N, C-alpha and C. Protein backbone atom coordinates (compact mmCIF):
# COMPACT_ATOMS: atom_id res chain seq x y z
N MET A 1 19.17 -14.01 33.33
CA MET A 1 18.59 -14.80 32.21
C MET A 1 18.41 -16.43 31.82
N ARG A 2 17.62 -17.60 32.38
CA ARG A 2 17.34 -18.52 33.43
C ARG A 2 17.74 -19.37 31.09
N ASP A 3 17.73 -20.51 31.22
CA ASP A 3 17.79 -20.84 30.10
C ASP A 3 16.54 -22.16 29.89
N ILE A 4 16.02 -21.68 29.14
CA ILE A 4 14.29 -22.62 28.36
C ILE A 4 14.89 -23.98 28.30
N ARG A 5 13.46 -25.28 28.88
CA ARG A 5 14.06 -26.04 28.09
C ARG A 5 14.03 -26.51 26.94
N GLU A 6 14.53 -27.61 26.22
CA GLU A 6 14.83 -28.10 25.12
C GLU A 6 13.97 -27.98 23.98
N SER A 7 12.64 -28.53 24.29
CA SER A 7 11.31 -28.53 24.16
C SER A 7 11.26 -27.57 23.24
N ASP A 8 11.37 -26.27 24.25
CA ASP A 8 10.23 -24.69 24.32
C ASP A 8 11.91 -24.26 23.01
N TRP A 9 13.01 -24.45 23.49
CA TRP A 9 14.50 -24.15 22.60
C TRP A 9 14.15 -24.88 20.50
N LYS A 10 14.05 -25.99 20.92
CA LYS A 10 13.41 -26.53 19.18
C LYS A 10 12.35 -25.66 19.24
N VAL A 11 11.02 -25.03 19.82
CA VAL A 11 10.15 -24.42 18.93
C VAL A 11 10.65 -22.66 19.02
N LEU A 12 11.32 -22.07 19.08
CA LEU A 12 11.56 -21.18 18.70
C LEU A 12 12.29 -21.31 17.92
N ARG A 13 13.43 -22.11 17.87
CA ARG A 13 13.89 -22.42 16.72
C ARG A 13 13.23 -22.69 14.85
N ARG A 14 12.37 -23.29 15.34
CA ARG A 14 11.06 -22.94 13.89
C ARG A 14 10.54 -21.91 14.29
N LEU A 15 10.34 -21.26 15.38
CA LEU A 15 9.56 -20.23 15.22
C LEU A 15 10.29 -19.01 14.47
N HIS A 16 11.47 -18.75 15.18
CA HIS A 16 12.25 -18.29 14.30
C HIS A 16 12.15 -17.32 13.73
N PRO A 17 12.65 -17.99 12.25
CA PRO A 17 12.51 -17.66 11.03
C PRO A 17 10.97 -17.46 10.05
N LEU A 18 9.96 -17.77 10.95
CA LEU A 18 8.59 -17.52 10.54
C LEU A 18 8.45 -15.90 10.81
N ALA A 19 8.86 -15.99 11.77
CA ALA A 19 8.82 -15.14 12.77
C ALA A 19 9.62 -13.09 12.12
N LEU A 20 10.96 -13.60 11.52
CA LEU A 20 11.57 -12.81 10.81
C LEU A 20 11.16 -12.75 9.28
N ASP A 21 10.18 -13.25 8.72
CA ASP A 21 9.26 -12.89 7.42
C ASP A 21 8.41 -12.57 8.07
N ARG A 22 7.60 -12.39 8.49
CA ARG A 22 6.41 -11.53 9.52
C ARG A 22 6.78 -10.33 9.73
N TYR A 23 7.85 -10.45 10.63
CA TYR A 23 8.13 -8.46 10.51
C TYR A 23 8.91 -8.68 9.06
N CYS A 24 9.82 -9.01 8.40
CA CYS A 24 10.31 -8.55 7.19
C CYS A 24 8.55 -8.35 5.44
N GLU A 25 8.12 -8.74 5.86
CA GLU A 25 6.84 -8.39 5.58
C GLU A 25 6.19 -7.24 5.94
N ARG A 26 5.99 -7.06 7.23
CA ARG A 26 5.00 -5.91 7.63
C ARG A 26 5.18 -4.90 6.71
N THR A 27 7.03 -4.48 7.72
CA THR A 27 8.13 -4.14 6.87
C THR A 27 8.02 -3.87 5.87
N LEU A 28 8.13 -3.98 4.96
CA LEU A 28 7.90 -4.59 3.56
C LEU A 28 6.24 -3.43 2.90
N GLY A 29 5.66 -4.05 3.64
CA GLY A 29 4.10 -3.06 4.02
C GLY A 29 4.23 -1.67 3.95
N GLU A 30 4.71 -1.51 5.19
CA GLU A 30 4.92 -0.12 5.53
C GLU A 30 5.64 0.62 4.20
N CYS A 31 7.25 -0.17 3.88
CA CYS A 31 7.97 0.11 2.77
C CYS A 31 6.90 1.32 0.97
N VAL A 32 5.96 0.12 0.42
CA VAL A 32 5.34 0.21 -0.49
C VAL A 32 3.96 1.26 0.50
N GLN A 33 3.59 1.79 1.50
CA GLN A 33 2.42 2.96 1.14
C GLN A 33 3.60 4.32 1.57
N ILE A 34 4.43 3.69 1.89
CA ILE A 34 5.25 5.12 1.70
C ILE A 34 5.80 5.72 0.69
N ALA A 35 6.04 4.64 -0.46
CA ALA A 35 6.73 4.97 -1.12
C ALA A 35 5.89 5.16 -2.71
N THR A 36 4.78 4.39 -2.22
CA THR A 36 3.19 5.26 -2.88
C THR A 36 2.72 6.22 -2.48
N GLY A 37 2.30 6.98 -1.44
CA GLY A 37 1.87 8.06 -1.08
C GLY A 37 2.17 9.37 -2.10
N GLY A 38 1.18 9.64 -2.45
CA GLY A 38 1.45 10.66 -3.95
C GLY A 38 1.59 11.81 -3.19
N ALA A 39 1.23 12.41 -1.36
CA ALA A 39 0.77 14.06 -0.97
C ALA A 39 2.57 14.39 -0.99
N GLU A 40 3.34 13.53 -0.80
CA GLU A 40 4.71 14.34 -0.29
C GLU A 40 4.92 14.01 -1.81
N SER A 41 6.25 14.51 -1.54
CA SER A 41 7.60 15.01 -2.78
C SER A 41 8.53 13.62 -2.62
N ALA A 42 8.95 13.44 -3.89
CA ALA A 42 9.59 11.87 -3.91
C ALA A 42 10.43 12.08 -3.03
N HIS A 43 11.40 12.98 -2.31
CA HIS A 43 13.03 13.21 -1.66
C HIS A 43 11.65 13.43 -0.71
N ALA A 44 11.04 13.91 0.10
CA ALA A 44 10.20 13.24 1.49
C ALA A 44 9.76 12.09 2.05
N ARG A 45 8.93 11.22 0.71
CA ARG A 45 8.75 10.12 0.39
C ARG A 45 9.95 9.13 0.58
N TYR A 46 11.21 9.94 0.59
CA TYR A 46 12.56 9.03 0.58
C TYR A 46 13.19 9.37 1.97
N LEU A 47 13.21 10.41 2.28
CA LEU A 47 13.70 9.74 4.26
C LEU A 47 12.69 9.49 4.99
N ALA A 48 11.55 9.43 4.42
CA ALA A 48 10.49 9.16 5.27
C ALA A 48 10.45 7.24 5.39
N LEU A 49 10.81 6.71 4.00
CA LEU A 49 11.61 5.75 4.12
C LEU A 49 12.55 5.36 4.67
N TYR A 50 13.51 6.15 4.37
CA TYR A 50 15.48 5.77 4.64
C TYR A 50 14.69 6.11 6.41
N ARG A 51 14.27 6.56 6.98
CA ARG A 51 13.93 6.52 8.85
C ARG A 51 13.32 5.20 9.23
N LEU A 52 12.29 4.98 8.06
CA LEU A 52 12.18 3.78 8.73
C LEU A 52 12.19 2.77 8.35
N VAL A 53 12.93 2.74 7.85
CA VAL A 53 14.22 1.60 7.03
C VAL A 53 15.51 1.27 8.71
N GLN A 54 15.75 1.80 9.08
CA GLN A 54 16.71 2.49 9.81
C GLN A 54 15.84 1.97 11.34
N ALA A 55 14.60 2.41 11.71
CA ALA A 55 13.98 2.11 12.89
C ALA A 55 13.63 0.76 12.46
N ARG A 56 13.24 -0.06 11.74
CA ARG A 56 12.81 -1.24 12.01
C ARG A 56 13.96 -1.78 11.43
N ASP A 57 15.67 -1.84 11.20
CA ASP A 57 16.62 -2.74 10.93
C ASP A 57 16.93 -2.40 12.68
N LYS A 58 17.30 -1.74 13.58
CA LYS A 58 17.36 -1.79 14.92
C LYS A 58 16.54 -3.05 15.38
N THR A 59 15.02 -2.71 15.33
CA THR A 59 14.42 -3.25 16.02
C THR A 59 14.84 -4.30 15.38
N LEU A 60 14.86 -5.32 14.53
CA LEU A 60 15.11 -6.26 14.10
C LEU A 60 16.38 -7.04 14.87
N GLY A 61 17.48 -5.73 14.61
CA GLY A 61 18.86 -6.23 15.36
C GLY A 61 18.29 -7.34 16.33
N MET A 62 17.46 -6.36 17.00
CA MET A 62 17.83 -6.60 19.06
C MET A 62 16.66 -7.80 18.95
N ALA A 63 15.62 -8.15 18.17
CA ALA A 63 14.01 -8.86 18.03
C ALA A 63 15.21 -10.24 17.57
N PHE A 64 15.98 -10.33 16.83
CA PHE A 64 16.30 -11.87 15.87
C PHE A 64 17.85 -12.54 15.86
N ASP A 65 18.81 -11.02 15.73
CA ASP A 65 20.12 -11.41 16.18
C ASP A 65 20.73 -12.15 17.00
N ASN A 66 21.46 -13.47 16.74
CA ASN A 66 21.70 -13.90 17.89
C ASN A 66 21.51 -14.92 18.54
N PRO A 67 20.38 -15.54 18.38
CA PRO A 67 19.54 -16.31 18.92
C PRO A 67 20.38 -17.01 19.28
N ARG A 68 20.18 -17.44 21.25
CA ARG A 68 21.07 -17.85 22.10
C ARG A 68 20.25 -18.60 23.04
N ARG A 69 19.95 -19.87 23.84
CA ARG A 69 19.77 -20.14 23.79
C ARG A 69 19.14 -19.78 25.76
N SER A 70 20.26 -19.10 26.47
CA SER A 70 20.72 -18.23 27.43
C SER A 70 19.43 -17.05 27.03
N THR A 71 19.20 -16.92 25.81
CA THR A 71 18.72 -15.52 25.86
C THR A 71 17.07 -15.37 24.93
N ALA A 72 17.08 -16.55 24.50
CA ALA A 72 16.05 -17.12 24.32
C ALA A 72 14.28 -16.77 24.86
N ILE A 73 14.40 -16.42 26.58
CA ILE A 73 12.69 -16.12 26.89
C ILE A 73 13.20 -14.97 26.38
N MET A 74 13.81 -13.96 26.13
CA MET A 74 13.73 -12.20 25.70
C MET A 74 13.52 -12.40 24.15
N THR A 75 14.24 -13.56 23.50
CA THR A 75 13.72 -13.50 22.36
C THR A 75 12.40 -13.45 21.99
N LEU A 76 11.70 -14.86 22.25
CA LEU A 76 10.28 -15.38 22.66
C LEU A 76 9.20 -13.86 22.86
N ILE A 77 10.00 -13.02 24.67
CA ILE A 77 8.96 -11.76 25.00
C ILE A 77 9.53 -10.59 24.18
N SER A 78 10.48 -10.34 23.50
CA SER A 78 10.32 -9.55 22.02
C SER A 78 9.41 -9.71 20.56
N LEU A 79 9.18 -11.38 20.27
CA LEU A 79 8.86 -11.71 19.10
C LEU A 79 7.75 -11.92 19.78
N ALA A 80 6.82 -12.01 20.76
CA ALA A 80 5.50 -11.99 20.80
C ALA A 80 5.14 -9.84 21.57
N ARG A 81 5.99 -9.10 21.20
CA ARG A 81 5.35 -7.82 22.38
C ARG A 81 5.06 -7.12 20.43
N LEU A 82 6.25 -7.99 19.53
CA LEU A 82 6.19 -7.37 18.38
C LEU A 82 4.55 -8.04 17.60
N ASP A 83 4.44 -8.41 18.25
CA ASP A 83 2.97 -9.42 17.58
C ASP A 83 3.44 -10.55 16.20
N LEU A 84 4.04 -10.88 16.97
CA LEU A 84 4.89 -11.82 15.57
C LEU A 84 4.79 -13.43 16.10
N LEU A 85 4.03 -13.73 16.60
CA LEU A 85 3.59 -14.95 17.81
C LEU A 85 2.15 -15.65 17.70
N THR A 86 1.89 -16.18 16.87
CA THR A 86 0.13 -16.66 16.72
C THR A 86 0.03 -17.49 18.17
N ALA A 87 -0.88 -17.32 18.21
CA ALA A 87 -1.80 -18.14 19.28
C ALA A 87 -1.37 -19.46 19.65
N SER A 88 -1.21 -19.89 19.04
CA SER A 88 -1.58 -21.33 18.66
C SER A 88 0.20 -21.45 18.22
N GLU A 89 0.84 -20.86 18.25
CA GLU A 89 2.55 -21.05 18.39
C GLU A 89 2.76 -21.09 19.83
N LEU A 90 2.63 -19.83 20.41
CA LEU A 90 2.49 -19.65 21.73
C LEU A 90 1.83 -21.10 22.62
N ASP A 91 0.95 -20.91 22.24
CA ASP A 91 0.20 -23.01 23.12
C ASP A 91 1.48 -24.10 23.04
N ALA A 92 2.76 -23.87 21.96
CA ALA A 92 3.53 -25.11 22.04
C ALA A 92 4.56 -24.58 22.80
N LEU A 93 4.14 -23.83 23.63
CA LEU A 93 5.67 -23.67 24.65
C LEU A 93 5.52 -24.57 26.35
N SER A 94 6.92 -24.54 26.69
CA SER A 94 5.71 -25.48 28.07
C SER A 94 5.12 -24.47 29.03
N ASP A 95 4.21 -24.75 30.00
CA ASP A 95 3.21 -23.62 30.37
C ASP A 95 3.95 -22.09 31.28
N GLU A 96 5.16 -23.21 31.38
CA GLU A 96 5.83 -21.78 32.16
C GLU A 96 6.63 -21.12 31.74
N THR A 97 6.92 -21.47 30.44
CA THR A 97 7.95 -20.42 29.27
C THR A 97 6.72 -19.16 29.06
N ARG A 98 5.48 -20.15 28.10
CA ARG A 98 4.27 -19.40 28.17
C ARG A 98 3.86 -18.03 29.05
N GLU A 99 3.76 -18.69 30.18
CA GLU A 99 3.64 -17.25 31.50
C GLU A 99 4.30 -16.71 31.53
N ALA A 100 5.79 -17.14 31.59
CA ALA A 100 7.32 -16.24 31.72
C ALA A 100 6.53 -14.97 30.32
N ILE A 101 6.11 -15.49 29.51
CA ILE A 101 6.30 -14.43 27.95
C ILE A 101 5.29 -13.36 28.85
N LEU A 102 3.80 -14.61 28.90
CA LEU A 102 2.46 -13.12 29.19
C LEU A 102 2.95 -12.44 30.40
N ARG A 103 3.55 -12.93 31.44
CA ARG A 103 3.80 -11.45 32.51
C ARG A 103 4.86 -10.97 32.20
N ALA A 104 5.96 -10.78 31.38
CA ALA A 104 6.10 -9.62 30.69
C ALA A 104 5.54 -8.61 29.85
N LEU A 105 5.03 -9.17 29.40
CA LEU A 105 3.87 -8.71 27.99
C LEU A 105 2.42 -7.74 28.87
N GLU A 106 1.84 -8.17 30.48
CA GLU A 106 1.16 -7.18 31.21
C GLU A 106 1.76 -6.06 31.37
N PRO A 107 0.53 -5.12 31.25
CA PRO A 107 0.62 -3.57 31.61
C PRO A 107 1.57 -3.38 32.68
N LEU A 108 2.24 -2.49 33.53
CA LEU A 108 2.53 -1.97 34.40
C LEU A 108 1.98 -0.85 35.14
N ASP A 109 0.92 -1.36 36.33
CA ASP A 109 -0.12 -0.34 36.44
C ASP A 109 0.79 0.29 38.32
């Protein structure tokens, strides 16, 4: 994977904590729904919550752990794929980087 422009790297470094907070907020919302769902037993809700946190933690690790400039494009693609970046945040990136992200998000036909 190629390195990205310095300006795009700075944008990613600014967006990284915002996207992480969005991801965690979304996950916590899912946790609340599971924890307060009264249709299942407390144990069933606990198990569902445990499985959810395990799955979300794995995704969090892949998207957020150890950000490096050499993997910045892949990180940005992951964040976009998880719907953690706004259109205006994507617009802050260079045309080249934004186009690479959008190409990666296109469905394969």
